[in-house]
PDB file of N, CA and C in Angstrom:
ATOM      1  N   MET A   1     -33.085 -40.415  69.098  1.00  0.00           N
ATOM      2  CA  MET A   1     -32.342 -41.530  68.550  1.00  0.00           C
ATOM      3  C   MET A   1     -32.251 -41.444  67.020  1.00  0.00           C
ATOM      4  N   LEU A   2     -33.283 -40.899  66.396  1.00  0.00           N
ATOM      5  CA  LEU A   2     -33.280 -40.732  64.945  1.00  0.00           C
ATOM      6  C   LEU A   2     -32.143 -39.799  64.516  1.00  0.00           C
ATOM      7  N   GLY A   3     -31.926 -38.740  65.311  1.00  0.00           N
ATOM      8  CA  GLY A   3     -30.871 -37.790  64.979  1.00  0.00           C
ATOM      9  C   GLY A   3     -29.502 -38.436  64.978  1.00  0.00           C
ATOM     10  N   PHE A   4     -29.220 -39.265  65.990  1.00  0.00           N
ATOM     11  CA  PHE A   4     -27.941 -39.968  66.036  1.00  0.00           C
ATOM     12  C   PHE A   4     -27.800 -40.912  64.839  1.00  0.00           C
ATOM     13  N   ALA A   5     -28.875 -41.589  64.487  1.00  0.00           N
ATOM     14  CA  ALA A   5     -28.834 -42.520  63.358  1.00  0.00           C
ATOM     15  C   ALA A   5     -28.530 -41.772  62.056  1.00  0.00           C
ATOM     16  N   ILE A   6     -29.143 -40.611  61.872  1.00  0.00           N
ATOM     17  CA  ILE A   6     -28.904 -39.825  60.659  1.00  0.00           C
ATOM     18  C   ILE A   6     -27.466 -39.335  60.609  1.00  0.00           C
ATOM     19  N   LEU A   7     -26.985 -38.786  61.723  1.00  0.00           N
ATOM     20  CA  LEU A   7     -25.604 -38.289  61.764  1.00  0.00           C
ATOM     21  C   LEU A   7     -24.610 -39.420  61.543  1.00  0.00           C
ATOM     22  N   LEU A   8     -24.854 -40.568  62.164  1.00  0.00           N
ATOM     23  CA  LEU A   8     -23.962 -41.712  61.992  1.00  0.00           C
ATOM     24  C   LEU A   8     -24.004 -42.220  60.553  1.00  0.00           C
ATOM     25  N   ALA A   9     -25.180 -42.221  59.952  1.00  0.00           N
ATOM     26  CA  ALA A   9     -25.300 -42.676  58.561  1.00  0.00           C
ATOM     27  C   ALA A   9     -24.488 -41.785  57.620  1.00  0.00           C
ATOM     28  N   PHE A  10     -24.538 -40.472  57.817  1.00  0.00           N
ATOM     29  CA  PHE A  10     -23.751 -39.576  56.969  1.00  0.00           C
ATOM     30  C   PHE A  10     -22.257 -39.759  57.215  1.00  0.00           C
ATOM     31  N   HIS A  11     -21.886 -39.979  58.451  1.00  0.00           N
ATOM     32  CA  HIS A  11     -20.477 -40.230  58.762  1.00  0.00           C
ATOM     33  C   HIS A  11     -20.003 -41.504  58.062  1.00  0.00           C
ATOM     34  N   LEU A  12     -20.778 -42.575  58.175  1.00  0.00           N
ATOM     35  CA  LEU A  12     -20.395 -43.841  57.550  1.00  0.00           C
ATOM     36  C   LEU A  12     -20.407 -43.750  56.032  1.00  0.00           C
ATOM     37  N   LEU A  13     -21.370 -43.027  55.480  1.00  0.00           N
ATOM     38  CA  LEU A  13     -21.420 -42.831  54.038  1.00  0.00           C
ATOM     39  C   LEU A  13     -20.180 -42.082  53.546  1.00  0.00           C
ATOM     40  N   GLY A  14     -19.814 -41.031  54.255  1.00  0.00           N
ATOM     41  CA  GLY A  14     -18.616 -40.276  53.879  1.00  0.00           C
ATOM     42  C   GLY A  14     -17.354 -41.112  53.982  1.00  0.00           C
ATOM     43  N   THR A  15     -17.253 -41.899  55.038  1.00  0.00           N
ATOM     44  CA  THR A  15     -16.088 -42.768  55.209  1.00  0.00           C
ATOM     45  C   THR A  15     -16.040 -43.818  54.103  1.00  0.00           C
ATOM     46  N   TRP A  16     -17.196 -44.396  53.774  1.00  0.00           N
ATOM     47  CA  TRP A  16     -17.244 -45.397  52.712  1.00  0.00           C
ATOM     48  C   TRP A  16     -16.869 -44.795  51.360  1.00  0.00           C
ATOM     49  N   LEU A  17     -17.389 -43.589  51.065  1.00  0.00           N
ATOM     50  CA  LEU A  17     -17.054 -42.932  49.799  1.00  0.00           C
ATOM     51  C   LEU A  17     -15.565 -42.622  49.707  1.00  0.00           C
ATOM     52  N   GLN A  18     -14.999 -42.152  50.799  1.00  0.00           N
ATOM     53  CA  GLN A  18     -13.570 -41.832  50.818  1.00  0.00           C
ATOM     54  C   GLN A  18     -12.737 -43.088  50.599  1.00  0.00           C
ATOM     55  N   TRP A  19     -13.129 -44.161  51.236  1.00  0.00           N
ATOM     56  CA  TRP A  19     -12.388 -45.419  51.132  1.00  0.00           C
ATOM     57  C   TRP A  19     -12.536 -46.043  49.750  1.00  0.00           C
ATOM     58  N   SER A  20     -13.758 -46.054  49.222  1.00  0.00           N
ATOM     59  CA  SER A  20     -13.996 -46.749  47.955  1.00  0.00           C
ATOM     60  C   SER A  20     -13.550 -45.935  46.732  1.00  0.00           C
ATOM     61  N   LEU A  21     -13.672 -44.613  46.799  1.00  0.00           N
ATOM     62  CA  LEU A  21     -13.293 -43.775  45.650  1.00  0.00           C
ATOM     63  C   LEU A  21     -11.916 -43.137  45.802  1.00  0.00           C
ATOM     64  N   HIS A  22     -11.260 -43.388  46.932  1.00  0.00           N
ATOM     65  CA  HIS A  22      -9.923 -42.839  47.211  1.00  0.00           C
ATOM     66  C   HIS A  22      -9.910 -41.313  47.102  1.00  0.00           C
ATOM     67  N   ILE A  23     -10.921 -40.692  47.677  1.00  0.00           N
ATOM     68  CA  ILE A  23     -11.023 -39.234  47.681  1.00  0.00           C
ATOM     69  C   ILE A  23     -10.031 -38.689  48.705  1.00  0.00           C
ATOM     70  N   PRO A  24      -9.262 -37.661  48.363  1.00  0.00           N
ATOM     71  CA  PRO A  24      -8.245 -37.160  49.287  1.00  0.00           C
ATOM     72  C   PRO A  24      -8.798 -36.230  50.372  1.00  0.00           C
ATOM     73  N   LEU A  25      -9.960 -36.534  50.885  1.00  0.00           N
ATOM     74  CA  LEU A  25     -10.562 -35.816  52.006  1.00  0.00           C
ATOM     75  C   LEU A  25     -10.915 -36.848  53.064  1.00  0.00           C
ATOM     76  N   PRO A  26     -10.859 -36.464  54.336  1.00  0.00           N
ATOM     77  CA  PRO A  26     -11.302 -37.408  55.367  1.00  0.00           C
ATOM     78  C   PRO A  26     -12.774 -37.753  55.187  1.00  0.00           C
ATOM     79  N   GLY A  27     -13.125 -38.969  55.539  1.00  0.00           N
ATOM     80  CA  GLY A  27     -14.493 -39.435  55.383  1.00  0.00           C
ATOM     81  C   GLY A  27     -15.499 -38.620  56.165  1.00  0.00           C
ATOM     82  N   ASN A  28     -15.103 -38.162  57.372  1.00  0.00           N
ATOM     83  CA  ASN A  28     -16.050 -37.367  58.154  1.00  0.00           C
ATOM     84  C   ASN A  28     -16.318 -36.013  57.507  1.00  0.00           C
ATOM     85  N   VAL A  29     -15.347 -35.455  56.791  1.00  0.00           N
ATOM     86  CA  VAL A  29     -15.561 -34.189  56.087  1.00  0.00           C
ATOM     87  C   VAL A  29     -16.505 -34.403  54.905  1.00  0.00           C
ATOM     88  N   ILE A  30     -16.319 -35.498  54.198  1.00  0.00           N
ATOM     89  CA  ILE A  30     -17.217 -35.817  53.084  1.00  0.00           C
ATOM     90  C   ILE A  30     -18.638 -36.002  53.604  1.00  0.00           C
ATOM     91  N   GLY A  31     -18.772 -36.728  54.714  1.00  0.00           N
ATOM     92  CA  GLY A  31     -20.088 -36.921  55.314  1.00  0.00           C
ATOM     93  C   GLY A  31     -20.723 -35.613  55.743  1.00  0.00           C
ATOM     94  N   LEU A  32     -19.912 -34.717  56.293  1.00  0.00           N
ATOM     95  CA  LEU A  32     -20.422 -33.413  56.714  1.00  0.00           C
ATOM     96  C   LEU A  32     -20.880 -32.585  55.522  1.00  0.00           C
ATOM     97  N   ILE A  33     -20.128 -32.650  54.437  1.00  0.00           N
ATOM     98  CA  ILE A  33     -20.526 -31.930  53.218  1.00  0.00           C
ATOM     99  C   ILE A  33     -21.852 -32.482  52.690  1.00  0.00           C
ATOM    100  N   LEU A  34     -21.970 -33.805  52.645  1.00  0.00           N
ATOM    101  CA  LEU A  34     -23.221 -34.419  52.183  1.00  0.00           C
ATOM    102  C   LEU A  34     -24.382 -34.081  53.111  1.00  0.00           C
ATOM    103  N   PHE A  35     -24.119 -34.055  54.416  1.00  0.00           N
ATOM    104  CA  PHE A  35     -25.155 -33.705  55.386  1.00  0.00           C
ATOM    105  C   PHE A  35     -25.605 -32.264  55.198  1.00  0.00           C
ATOM    106  N   THR A  36     -24.661 -31.353  54.981  1.00  0.00           N
ATOM    107  CA  THR A  36     -24.992 -29.949  54.764  1.00  0.00           C
ATOM    108  C   THR A  36     -25.814 -29.774  53.485  1.00  0.00           C
ATOM    109  N   ILE A  37     -25.422 -30.475  52.434  1.00  0.00           N
ATOM    110  CA  ILE A  37     -26.196 -30.416  51.192  1.00  0.00           C
ATOM    111  C   ILE A  37     -27.618 -30.920  51.428  1.00  0.00           C
ATOM    112  N   SER A  38     -27.736 -32.004  52.196  1.00  0.00           N
ATOM    113  CA  SER A  38     -29.064 -32.562  52.493  1.00  0.00           C
ATOM    114  C   SER A  38     -29.918 -31.598  53.296  1.00  0.00           C
ATOM    115  N   LEU A  39     -29.304 -30.865  54.204  1.00  0.00           N
ATOM    116  CA  LEU A  39     -30.049 -29.871  54.975  1.00  0.00           C
ATOM    117  C   LEU A  39     -30.538 -28.731  54.078  1.00  0.00           C
ATOM    118  N   PHE A  40     -29.645 -28.220  53.230  1.00  0.00           N
ATOM    119  CA  PHE A  40     -30.032 -27.123  52.345  1.00  0.00           C
ATOM    120  C   PHE A  40     -31.062 -27.559  51.314  1.00  0.00           C
ATOM    121  N   ALA A  41     -30.986 -28.811  50.876  1.00  0.00           N
ATOM    122  CA  ALA A  41     -31.942 -29.321  49.894  1.00  0.00           C
ATOM    123  C   ALA A  41     -33.263 -29.725  50.544  1.00  0.00           C
ATOM    124  N   LYS A  42     -33.320 -29.620  51.872  1.00  0.00           N
ATOM    125  CA  LYS A  42     -34.526 -29.963  52.647  1.00  0.00           C
ATOM    126  C   LYS A  42     -34.862 -31.456  52.586  1.00  0.00           C
ATOM    127  N   TRP A  43     -33.844 -32.307  52.331  1.00  0.00           N
ATOM    128  CA  TRP A  43     -34.053 -33.750  52.380  1.00  0.00           C
ATOM    129  C   TRP A  43     -34.062 -34.223  53.824  1.00  0.00           C
ATOM    130  N   ILE A  44     -33.328 -33.512  54.674  1.00  0.00           N
ATOM    131  CA  ILE A  44     -33.260 -33.790  56.113  1.00  0.00           C
ATOM    132  C   ILE A  44     -33.787 -32.556  56.821  1.00  0.00           C
ATOM    133  N   LYS A  45     -34.681 -32.758  57.772  1.00  0.00           N
ATOM    134  CA  LYS A  45     -35.195 -31.631  58.553  1.00  0.00           C
ATOM    135  C   LYS A  45     -34.269 -31.388  59.736  1.00  0.00           C
ATOM    136  N   LEU A  46     -34.027 -30.114  60.016  1.00  0.00           N
ATOM    137  CA  LEU A  46     -33.164 -29.757  61.134  1.00  0.00           C
ATOM    138  C   LEU A  46     -33.720 -30.285  62.451  1.00  0.00           C
ATOM    139  N   SER A  47     -35.023 -30.305  62.595  1.00  0.00           N
ATOM    140  CA  SER A  47     -35.634 -30.775  63.838  1.00  0.00           C
ATOM    141  C   SER A  47     -35.325 -32.248  64.106  1.00  0.00           C
ATOM    142  N   TRP A  48     -35.032 -33.028  63.061  1.00  0.00           N
ATOM    143  CA  TRP A  48     -34.718 -34.440  63.242  1.00  0.00           C
ATOM    144  C   TRP A  48     -33.373 -34.639  63.942  1.00  0.00           C
ATOM    145  N   VAL A  49     -32.422 -33.741  63.693  1.00  0.00           N
ATOM    146  CA  VAL A  49     -31.064 -33.934  64.221  1.00  0.00           C
ATOM    147  C   VAL A  49     -30.671 -32.907  65.271  1.00  0.00           C
ATOM    148  N   GLU A  50     -31.515 -31.938  65.525  1.00  0.00           N
ATOM    149  CA  GLU A  50     -31.146 -30.818  66.397  1.00  0.00           C
ATOM    150  C   GLU A  50     -30.792 -31.263  67.817  1.00  0.00           C
ATOM    151  N   SER A  51     -31.581 -32.121  68.409  1.00  0.00           N
ATOM    152  CA  SER A  51     -31.300 -32.517  69.800  1.00  0.00           C
ATOM    153  C   SER A  51     -30.035 -33.365  69.890  1.00  0.00           C
ATOM    154  N   ALA A  52     -29.831 -34.274  68.935  1.00  0.00           N
ATOM    155  CA  ALA A  52     -28.619 -35.094  68.942  1.00  0.00           C
ATOM    156  C   ALA A  52     -27.384 -34.230  68.709  1.00  0.00           C
ATOM    157  N   ALA A  53     -27.466 -33.285  67.782  1.00  0.00           N
ATOM    158  CA  ALA A  53     -26.338 -32.391  67.512  1.00  0.00           C
ATOM    159  C   ALA A  53     -26.046 -31.511  68.723  1.00  0.00           C
ATOM    160  N   GLY A  54     -27.092 -31.042  69.398  1.00  0.00           N
ATOM    161  CA  GLY A  54     -26.889 -30.240  70.602  1.00  0.00           C
ATOM    162  C   GLY A  54     -26.215 -31.029  71.705  1.00  0.00           C
ATOM    163  N   TRP A  55     -26.619 -32.278  71.866  1.00  0.00           N
ATOM    164  CA  TRP A  55     -25.986 -33.118  72.888  1.00  0.00           C
ATOM    165  C   TRP A  55     -24.525 -33.363  72.553  1.00  0.00           C
ATOM    166  N   LEU A  56     -24.227 -33.667  71.287  1.00  0.00           N
ATOM    167  CA  LEU A  56     -22.837 -33.909  70.882  1.00  0.00           C
ATOM    168  C   LEU A  56     -21.981 -32.655  71.048  1.00  0.00           C
ATOM    169  N   THR A  57     -22.526 -31.511  70.714  1.00  0.00           N
ATOM    170  CA  THR A  57     -21.792 -30.257  70.871  1.00  0.00           C
ATOM    171  C   THR A  57     -21.548 -29.958  72.344  1.00  0.00           C
ATOM    172  N   GLY A  58     -22.525 -30.237  73.182  1.00  0.00           N
ATOM    173  CA  GLY A  58     -22.377 -29.998  74.613  1.00  0.00           C
ATOM    174  C   GLY A  58     -21.330 -30.871  75.269  1.00  0.00           C
ATOM    175  N   HIS A  59     -21.048 -32.025  74.693  1.00  0.00           N
ATOM    176  CA  HIS A  59     -20.068 -32.950  75.256  1.00  0.00           C
ATOM    177  C   HIS A  59     -18.817 -33.055  74.389  1.00  0.00           C
ATOM    178  N   MET A  60     -18.523 -31.999  73.667  1.00  0.00           N
ATOM    179  CA  MET A  60     -17.421 -32.017  72.715  1.00  0.00           C
ATOM    180  C   MET A  60     -16.055 -32.256  73.368  1.00  0.00           C
ATOM    181  N   MET A  61     -15.860 -31.781  74.586  1.00  0.00           N
ATOM    182  CA  MET A  61     -14.561 -31.977  75.240  1.00  0.00           C
ATOM    183  C   MET A  61     -14.230 -33.450  75.397  1.00  0.00           C
ATOM    184  N   LEU A  62     -15.225 -34.287  75.561  1.00  0.00           N
ATOM    185  CA  LEU A  62     -14.975 -35.729  75.667  1.00  0.00           C
ATOM    186  C   LEU A  62     -14.333 -36.276  74.394  1.00  0.00           C
ATOM    187  N   PHE A  63     -14.673 -35.693  73.251  1.00  0.00           N
ATOM    188  CA  PHE A  63     -14.136 -36.181  71.989  1.00  0.00           C
ATOM    189  C   PHE A  63     -12.697 -35.717  71.761  1.00  0.00           C
ATOM    190  N   PHE A  64     -12.281 -34.631  72.429  1.00  0.00           N
ATOM    191  CA  PHE A  64     -10.920 -34.137  72.275  1.00  0.00           C
ATOM    192  C   PHE A  64      -9.964 -34.726  73.300  1.00  0.00           C
ATOM    193  N   THR A  65     -10.465 -35.407  74.309  1.00  0.00           N
ATOM    194  CA  THR A  65      -9.607 -35.959  75.356  1.00  0.00           C
ATOM    195  C   THR A  65      -8.559 -36.917  74.801  1.00  0.00           C
ATOM    196  N   PRO A  66      -8.888 -37.870  73.936  1.00  0.00           N
ATOM    197  CA  PRO A  66      -7.833 -38.755  73.412  1.00  0.00           C
ATOM    198  C   PRO A  66      -6.748 -37.996  72.652  1.00  0.00           C
ATOM    199  N   PHE A  67      -7.134 -36.966  71.936  1.00  0.00           N
ATOM    200  CA  PHE A  67      -6.155 -36.175  71.197  1.00  0.00           C
ATOM    201  C   PHE A  67      -5.195 -35.468  72.149  1.00  0.00           C
ATOM    202  N   VAL A  68      -5.745 -34.867  73.209  1.00  0.00           N
ATOM    203  CA  VAL A  68      -4.923 -34.136  74.175  1.00  0.00           C
ATOM    204  C   VAL A  68      -4.005 -35.100  74.916  1.00  0.00           C
ATOM    205  N   VAL A  69      -4.522 -36.237  75.316  1.00  0.00           N
ATOM    206  CA  VAL A  69      -3.699 -37.226  76.017  1.00  0.00           C
ATOM    207  C   VAL A  69      -2.621 -37.766  75.085  1.00  0.00           C
ATOM    208  N   GLY A  70      -2.962 -37.986  73.823  1.00  0.00           N
ATOM    209  CA  GLY A  70      -1.980 -38.466  72.855  1.00  0.00           C
ATOM    210  C   GLY A  70      -0.854 -37.475  72.610  1.00  0.00           C
ATOM    211  N   THR A  71      -1.129 -36.199  72.799  1.00  0.00           N
ATOM    212  CA  THR A  71      -0.108 -35.172  72.612  1.00  0.00           C
ATOM    213  C   THR A  71       0.993 -35.288  73.666  1.00  0.00           C
ATOM    214  N   MET A  72       0.679 -35.840  74.809  1.00  0.00           N
ATOM    215  CA  MET A  72       1.669 -35.966  75.885  1.00  0.00           C
ATOM    216  C   MET A  72       2.862 -36.817  75.458  1.00  0.00           C
ATOM    217  N   VAL A  73       2.682 -37.712  74.502  1.00  0.00           N
ATOM    218  CA  VAL A  73       3.770 -38.541  74.004  1.00  0.00           C
ATOM    219  C   VAL A  73       4.837 -37.667  73.340  1.00  0.00           C
ATOM    220  N   PHE A  74       4.426 -36.542  72.795  1.00  0.00           N
ATOM    221  CA  PHE A  74       5.341 -35.685  72.044  1.00  0.00           C
ATOM    222  C   PHE A  74       5.967 -34.577  72.877  1.00  0.00           C
ATOM    223  N   PHE A  75       5.803 -34.596  74.201  1.00  0.00           N
ATOM    224  CA  PHE A  75       6.391 -33.548  75.043  1.00  0.00           C
ATOM    225  C   PHE A  75       7.897 -33.387  74.837  1.00  0.00           C
ATOM    226  N   PRO A  76       8.693 -34.458  74.729  1.00  0.00           N
ATOM    227  CA  PRO A  76      10.135 -34.250  74.477  1.00  0.00           C
ATOM    228  C   PRO A  76      10.389 -33.520  73.160  1.00  0.00           C
ATOM    229  N   LEU A  77       9.639 -33.853  72.122  1.00  0.00           N
ATOM    230  CA  LEU A  77       9.795 -33.182  70.827  1.00  0.00           C
ATOM    231  C   LEU A  77       9.368 -31.725  70.920  1.00  0.00           C
ATOM    232  N   ILE A  78       8.276 -31.472  71.622  1.00  0.00           N
ATOM    233  CA  ILE A  78       7.800 -30.099  71.808  1.00  0.00           C
ATOM    234  C   ILE A  78       8.813 -29.292  72.616  1.00  0.00           C
ATOM    235  N   ALA A  79       9.381 -29.909  73.655  1.00  0.00           N
ATOM    236  CA  ALA A  79      10.364 -29.213  74.499  1.00  0.00           C
ATOM    237  C   ALA A  79      11.616 -28.846  73.707  1.00  0.00           C
ATOM    238  N   SER A  80      12.034 -29.698  72.791  1.00  0.00           N
ATOM    239  CA  SER A  80      13.248 -29.393  72.035  1.00  0.00           C
ATOM    240  C   SER A  80      12.995 -28.386  70.914  1.00  0.00           C
ATOM    241  N   ASN A  81      11.741 -28.169  70.538  1.00  0.00           N
ATOM    242  CA  ASN A  81      11.419 -27.233  69.454  1.00  0.00           C
ATOM    243  C   ASN A  81      10.474 -26.127  69.902  1.00  0.00           C
ATOM    244  N   TRP A  82      10.483 -25.799  71.173  1.00  0.00           N
ATOM    245  CA  TRP A  82       9.502 -24.850  71.709  1.00  0.00           C
ATOM    246  C   TRP A  82       9.626 -23.474  71.066  1.00  0.00           C
ATOM    247  N   LEU A  83      10.839 -23.042  70.751  1.00  0.00           N
ATOM    248  CA  LEU A  83      11.018 -21.704  70.186  1.00  0.00           C
ATOM    249  C   LEU A  83      10.375 -21.605  68.797  1.00  0.00           C
ATOM    250  N   SER A  84      10.670 -22.551  67.929  1.00  0.00           N
ATOM    251  CA  SER A  84      10.093 -22.489  66.580  1.00  0.00           C
ATOM    252  C   SER A  84       8.582 -22.674  66.621  1.00  0.00           C
ATOM    253  N   ILE A  85       8.086 -23.510  67.521  1.00  0.00           N
ATOM    254  CA  ILE A  85       6.646 -23.694  67.659  1.00  0.00           C
ATOM    255  C   ILE A  85       5.995 -22.393  68.132  1.00  0.00           C
ATOM    256  N   SER A  86       6.596 -21.746  69.117  1.00  0.00           N
ATOM    257  CA  SER A  86       6.050 -20.488  69.646  1.00  0.00           C
ATOM    258  C   SER A  86       6.061 -19.392  68.593  1.00  0.00           C
ATOM    259  N   VAL A  87       7.170 -19.269  67.863  1.00  0.00           N
ATOM    260  CA  VAL A  87       7.258 -18.249  66.814  1.00  0.00           C
ATOM    261  C   VAL A  87       6.213 -18.519  65.729  1.00  0.00           C
ATOM    262  N   GLY A  88       6.032 -19.777  65.367  1.00  0.00           N
ATOM    263  CA  GLY A  88       5.037 -20.122  64.355  1.00  0.00           C
ATOM    264  C   GLY A  88       3.620 -19.798  64.806  1.00  0.00           C
ATOM    265  N   ILE A  89       3.293 -20.129  66.051  1.00  0.00           N
ATOM    266  CA  ILE A  89       1.947 -19.857  66.560  1.00  0.00           C
ATOM    267  C   ILE A  89       1.701 -18.365  66.673  1.00  0.00           C
ATOM    268  N   ILE A  90       2.651 -17.636  67.259  1.00  0.00           N
ATOM    269  CA  ILE A  90       2.488 -16.188  67.432  1.00  0.00           C
ATOM    270  C   ILE A  90       2.493 -15.481  66.082  1.00  0.00           C
ATOM    271  N   GLY A  91       3.399 -15.888  65.193  1.00  0.00           N
ATOM    272  CA  GLY A  91       3.477 -15.261  63.875  1.00  0.00           C
ATOM    273  C   GLY A  91       2.215 -15.471  63.055  1.00  0.00           C
ATOM    274  N   SER A  92       1.713 -16.689  63.034  1.00  0.00           N
ATOM    275  CA  SER A  92       0.504 -16.945  62.254  1.00  0.00           C
ATOM    276  C   SER A  92      -0.709 -16.256  62.865  1.00  0.00           C
ATOM    277  N   SER A  93      -0.770 -16.198  64.194  1.00  0.00           N
ATOM    278  CA  SER A  93      -1.882 -15.485  64.841  1.00  0.00           C
ATOM    279  C   SER A  93      -1.835 -13.996  64.518  1.00  0.00           C
ATOM    280  N   MET A  94      -0.648 -13.421  64.552  1.00  0.00           N
ATOM    281  CA  MET A  94      -0.516 -11.997  64.222  1.00  0.00           C
ATOM    282  C   MET A  94      -0.875 -11.745  62.754  1.00  0.00           C
ATOM    283  N   ALA A  95      -0.465 -12.647  61.869  1.00  0.00           N
ATOM    284  CA  ALA A  95      -0.796 -12.482  60.448  1.00  0.00           C
ATOM    285  C   ALA A  95      -2.308 -12.508  60.235  1.00  0.00           C
ATOM    286  N   VAL A  96      -2.992 -13.425  60.903  1.00  0.00           N
ATOM    287  CA  VAL A  96      -4.449 -13.509  60.783  1.00  0.00           C
ATOM    288  C   VAL A  96      -5.096 -12.244  61.325  1.00  0.00           C
ATOM    289  N   LEU A  97      -4.629 -11.759  62.474  1.00  0.00           N
ATOM    290  CA  LEU A  97      -5.190 -10.534  63.050  1.00  0.00           C
ATOM    291  C   LEU A  97      -4.983  -9.332  62.141  1.00  0.00           C
ATOM    292  N   ILE A  98      -3.796  -9.195  61.568  1.00  0.00           N
ATOM    293  CA  ILE A  98      -3.493  -8.058  60.709  1.00  0.00           C
ATOM    294  C   ILE A  98      -4.337  -8.108  59.429  1.00  0.00           C
ATOM    295  N   VAL A  99      -4.388  -9.262  58.782  1.00  0.00           N
ATOM    296  CA  VAL A  99      -5.159  -9.389  57.548  1.00  0.00           C
ATOM    297  C   VAL A  99      -6.646  -9.168  57.816  1.00  0.00           C
ATOM    298  N   THR A 100      -7.156  -9.733  58.902  1.00  0.00           N
ATOM    299  CA  THR A 100      -8.573  -9.553  59.243  1.00  0.00           C
ATOM    300  C   THR A 100      -8.878  -8.089  59.515  1.00  0.00           C
ATOM    301  N   GLY A 101      -8.029  -7.419  60.276  1.00  0.00           N
ATOM    302  CA  GLY A 101      -8.228  -5.998  60.550  1.00  0.00           C
ATOM    303  C   GLY A 101      -8.170  -5.153  59.293  1.00  0.00           C
ATOM    304  N   PHE A 102      -7.218  -5.459  58.423  1.00  0.00           N
ATOM    305  CA  PHE A 102      -7.077  -4.722  57.173  1.00  0.00           C
ATOM    306  C   PHE A 102      -8.321  -4.891  56.296  1.00  0.00           C
ATOM    307  N   LEU A 103      -8.752  -6.141  56.122  1.00  0.00           N
ATOM    308  CA  LEU A 103      -9.923  -6.395  55.277  1.00  0.00           C
ATOM    309  C   LEU A 103     -11.198  -5.804  55.871  1.00  0.00           C
ATOM    310  N   THR A 104     -11.345  -5.894  57.187  1.00  0.00           N
ATOM    311  CA  THR A 104     -12.528  -5.326  57.832  1.00  0.00           C
ATOM    312  C   THR A 104     -12.568  -3.817  57.647  1.00  0.00           C
ATOM    313  N   THR A 105     -11.433  -3.161  57.802  1.00  0.00           N
ATOM    314  CA  THR A 105     -11.364  -1.716  57.607  1.00  0.00           C
ATOM    315  C   THR A 105     -11.724  -1.347  56.172  1.00  0.00           C
ATOM    316  N   LYS A 106     -11.169  -2.081  55.207  1.00  0.00           N
ATOM    317  CA  LYS A 106     -11.456  -1.802  53.803  1.00  0.00           C
ATOM    318  C   LYS A 106     -12.938  -1.995  53.493  1.00  0.00           C
ATOM    319  N   LEU A 107     -13.511  -3.098  53.993  1.00  0.00           N
ATOM    320  CA  LEU A 107     -14.919  -3.378  53.710  1.00  0.00           C
ATOM    321  C   LEU A 107     -15.842  -2.374  54.391  1.00  0.00           C
ATOM    322  N   GLN A 108     -15.502  -1.937  55.583  1.00  0.00           N
ATOM    323  CA  GLN A 108     -16.328  -0.938  56.259  1.00  0.00           C
ATOM    324  C   GLN A 108     -16.271   0.403  55.547  1.00  0.00           C
ATOM    325  N   ARG A 109     -15.104   0.768  55.016  1.00  0.00           N
ATOM    326  CA  ARG A 109     -15.006   2.015  54.257  1.00  0.00           C
ATOM    327  C   ARG A 109     -15.835   1.960  52.997  1.00  0.00           C
ATOM    328  N   LYS A 110     -15.794   0.808  52.290  1.00  0.00           N
ATOM    329  CA  LYS A 110     -16.590   0.654  51.081  1.00  0.00           C
ATOM    330  C   LYS A 110     -18.073   0.727  51.402  1.00  0.00           C
ATOM    331  N   GLU A 111     -18.476   0.080  52.519  1.00  0.00           N
ATOM    332  CA  GLU A 111     -19.880   0.069  52.887  1.00  0.00           C
ATOM    333  C   GLU A 111     -20.355   1.473  53.264  1.00  0.00           C
ATOM    334  N   SER A 112     -19.527   2.231  53.972  1.00  0.00           N
ATOM    335  CA  SER A 112     -19.931   3.577  54.371  1.00  0.00           C
ATOM    336  C   SER A 112     -19.956   4.532  53.179  1.00  0.00           C
ATOM    337  N   ASP A 113     -19.148   4.239  52.129  1.00  0.00           N
ATOM    338  CA  ASP A 113     -19.150   5.070  50.919  1.00  0.00           C
ATOM    339  C   ASP A 113     -20.306   4.690  49.999  1.00  0.00           C
ATOM    340  N   GLY A 114     -20.959   3.568  50.280  1.00  0.00           N
ATOM    341  CA  GLY A 114     -22.086   3.137  49.453  1.00  0.00           C
ATOM    342  C   GLY A 114     -21.681   2.364  48.231  1.00  0.00           C
ATOM    343  N   ASP A 115     -20.438   1.878  48.194  1.00  0.00           N
ATOM    344  CA  ASP A 115     -19.955   1.153  47.035  1.00  0.00           C
ATOM    345  C   ASP A 115     -20.375  -0.312  47.022  1.00  0.00           C
ATOM    346  N   VAL A 116     -20.721  -0.870  48.171  1.00  0.00           N
ATOM    347  CA  VAL A 116     -21.077  -2.279  48.246  1.00  0.00           C
ATOM    348  C   VAL A 116     -22.503  -2.464  47.775  1.00  0.00           C
ATOM    349  N   SER A 117     -22.729  -3.390  46.846  1.00  0.00           N
ATOM    350  CA  SER A 117     -24.079  -3.626  46.342  1.00  0.00           C
ATOM    351  C   SER A 117     -24.649  -4.860  46.958  1.00  0.00           C
TER     352      SER A 117
END
């Protein structure tokens, strides 16, 4: 229960900071950044939140259900733009694969040559 309280406190803190300071980041992202800083600074022990985080991760599909159901409202829009959506998804995926492969090859060559320090 302590783990849930800590995670919820960081979420609420991030949301409050975003709302009060008008930060252009979502409140949950701000809370996550603050939580990560707290973990690295050893202000929060991982053992305090590990079981709650594991439970939340294990049930993650429940949190995406409203998003997936909400997408059904846009089926007519998706149907009328399926070609551009498909080209965008395939094109961006191919770009990521090509860039990742290129960079990995370059970094592996540097590492095998002994240039990486």
